[in-house]
């Protein structure tokens, strides 16, 4: 009887923790991770690597104020891609980047804490880590 009560309590706690809505910060971190993974997957395949090579490097540091302009520049570069197959391949990642950009500039803007505005740091990190 005691064992089953502990099990119910444990399962209830698990449900409650998963029911809590994500904060803007945690949402941005998970989106950043997913974007980074998507880009790495695109760079790993021969055909999609060609598509990604046409775009600027993208390093997403959500604590750097310059990330907003970096995301905007990346989205503008994607709009200039004329190869239809590349557009189709890039679309899921681009939609995720667009969503991240939109939540950073609209609903989550008040919650963001930028620790730096060093745009060159994003450039250096992009060339070394992406």
Protein backbone atom coordinates (compact mmCIF):
# COMPACT_ATOMS: atom_id res chain seq x y z
CA UNK A 1 0.00 0.00 0.00
CA UNK A 2 2.78 2.43 0.89
CA UNK A 3 4.68 1.53 -2.28
CA UNK A 4 1.69 2.29 -4.50
CA UNK A 5 1.15 5.65 -2.74
CA UNK A 6 4.79 6.58 -3.41
CA UNK A 7 4.39 5.57 -7.03
CA UNK A 8 1.24 7.69 -7.42
CA UNK A 9 2.98 10.63 -5.78
CA UNK A 10 5.98 10.28 -8.08
CA UNK A 11 3.82 10.06 -11.20
CA UNK A 12 1.75 13.05 -10.08
CA UNK A 13 4.90 15.10 -9.63
CA UNK A 14 6.08 14.12 -13.11
CA UNK A 15 2.78 15.22 -14.66
CA UNK A 16 2.85 18.55 -12.83
CA UNK A 17 6.40 19.34 -13.94
CA UNK A 18 5.55 18.61 -17.58
CA UNK A 19 2.33 20.62 -17.36
CA UNK A 20 4.12 23.84 -16.48
CA UNK A 21 4.36 26.12 -19.50
CA UNK A 22 7.88 26.88 -20.70
CA UNK A 23 9.28 30.29 -19.92
CA UNK A 24 10.40 32.51 -22.75
CA UNK A 25 13.99 31.84 -21.78
CA UNK A 26 13.67 28.05 -21.77
CA UNK A 27 11.73 28.20 -25.03
CA UNK A 28 14.46 30.29 -26.67
CA UNK A 29 17.16 27.92 -25.41
CA UNK A 30 15.37 24.87 -26.78
CA UNK A 31 14.72 26.58 -30.11
CA UNK A 32 18.39 27.61 -30.31
CA UNK A 33 19.44 24.02 -29.70
CA UNK A 34 17.02 22.72 -32.33
CA UNK A 35 18.19 25.28 -34.92
CA UNK A 36 21.82 24.39 -34.26
CA UNK A 37 21.00 20.69 -34.68
CA UNK A 38 19.04 21.32 -37.89
CA UNK A 39 21.87 23.35 -39.41
CA UNK A 40 24.42 20.68 -38.44
CA UNK A 41 22.25 18.04 -40.15
CA UNK A 42 21.96 20.20 -43.26
CA UNK A 43 25.74 20.72 -43.34
CA UNK A 44 26.33 16.97 -43.02
CA UNK A 45 24.57 16.02 -46.26
CA UNK A 46 26.16 16.74 -49.62
CA UNK A 47 23.16 18.33 -51.37
CA UNK A 48 21.96 20.37 -48.40
CA UNK A 49 25.51 21.43 -47.56
CA UNK A 50 25.55 23.27 -50.88
CA UNK A 51 22.37 25.12 -49.88
CA UNK A 52 23.65 26.10 -46.44
CA UNK A 53 26.98 27.27 -47.85
CA UNK A 54 25.15 30.11 -49.62
CA UNK A 55 24.02 31.50 -46.28
CA UNK A 56 25.93 33.40 -43.61
CA UNK A 57 27.17 31.48 -40.57
CA UNK A 58 24.70 31.54 -37.74
CA UNK A 59 25.68 31.51 -34.08
CA UNK A 60 22.78 32.18 -31.73
CA UNK A 61 23.78 33.70 -28.41
CA UNK A 62 20.51 34.85 -26.88
CA UNK A 63 22.44 36.95 -24.35
CA UNK A 64 24.03 39.09 -27.06
CA UNK A 65 21.89 41.99 -28.30
CA UNK A 66 23.36 41.61 -31.80
CA UNK A 67 21.66 38.22 -32.20
CA UNK A 68 18.45 39.96 -33.25
CA UNK A 69 20.11 41.67 -36.22
CA UNK A 70 22.03 38.45 -36.97
CA UNK A 71 18.77 36.46 -37.17
CA UNK A 72 17.18 39.16 -39.35
CA UNK A 73 20.19 39.15 -41.71
CA UNK A 74 20.05 35.35 -41.95
CA UNK A 75 16.35 35.42 -42.81
CA UNK A 76 16.98 38.08 -45.46
CA UNK A 77 19.75 35.96 -46.96
CA UNK A 78 17.42 32.96 -47.15
CA UNK A 79 14.88 35.07 -49.05
CA UNK A 80 17.53 35.66 -51.73
CA UNK A 81 18.11 31.93 -52.34
CA UNK A 82 16.76 31.26 -55.82
CA UNK A 83 17.26 27.50 -56.04
CA UNK A 84 13.81 26.00 -55.46
CA UNK A 85 15.16 22.74 -54.03
CA UNK A 86 17.32 24.64 -51.55
CA UNK A 87 14.33 26.74 -50.51
CA UNK A 88 12.33 23.58 -49.84
CA UNK A 89 15.14 21.93 -47.87
CA UNK A 90 15.82 25.04 -45.79
CA UNK A 91 12.15 25.81 -45.08
CA UNK A 92 11.69 23.91 -41.78
CA UNK A 93 14.83 25.45 -40.27
CA UNK A 94 13.92 28.88 -41.60
CA UNK A 95 10.47 28.66 -40.03
CA UNK A 96 12.06 27.82 -36.69
CA UNK A 97 14.51 30.72 -36.99
CA UNK A 98 11.64 33.05 -37.90
CA UNK A 99 9.65 31.88 -34.86
CA UNK A 100 12.67 32.44 -32.59
CA UNK A 101 13.17 35.91 -34.04
CA UNK A 102 9.50 36.80 -33.57
CA UNK A 103 9.32 35.66 -29.96
CA UNK A 104 12.52 37.54 -29.18
CA UNK A 105 11.22 40.84 -30.55
CA UNK A 106 7.58 40.64 -29.47
CA UNK A 107 6.33 38.49 -26.55
CA UNK A 108 9.64 37.72 -24.84
CA UNK A 109 11.38 41.05 -25.35
CA UNK A 110 10.59 42.19 -21.79
CA UNK A 111 12.12 39.00 -20.36
CA UNK A 112 15.36 39.12 -22.33
CA UNK A 113 18.52 40.09 -20.53
CA UNK A 114 21.33 40.97 -22.87
CA UNK A 115 24.71 40.67 -21.23
CA UNK A 116 26.61 42.05 -24.21
CA UNK A 117 26.18 43.79 -27.54
CA UNK A 118 29.40 42.51 -29.08
CA UNK A 119 28.52 41.75 -32.71
CA UNK A 120 32.05 40.68 -33.56
CA UNK A 121 31.80 37.94 -30.92
CA UNK A 122 28.91 36.39 -32.85
CA UNK A 123 30.98 36.54 -36.02
CA UNK A 124 34.02 34.91 -34.42
CA UNK A 125 31.97 32.18 -32.76
CA UNK A 126 30.06 31.47 -35.94
CA UNK A 127 33.25 30.93 -37.89
CA UNK A 128 34.74 28.65 -35.24
CA UNK A 129 31.74 26.68 -33.95
CA UNK A 130 29.27 26.43 -36.80
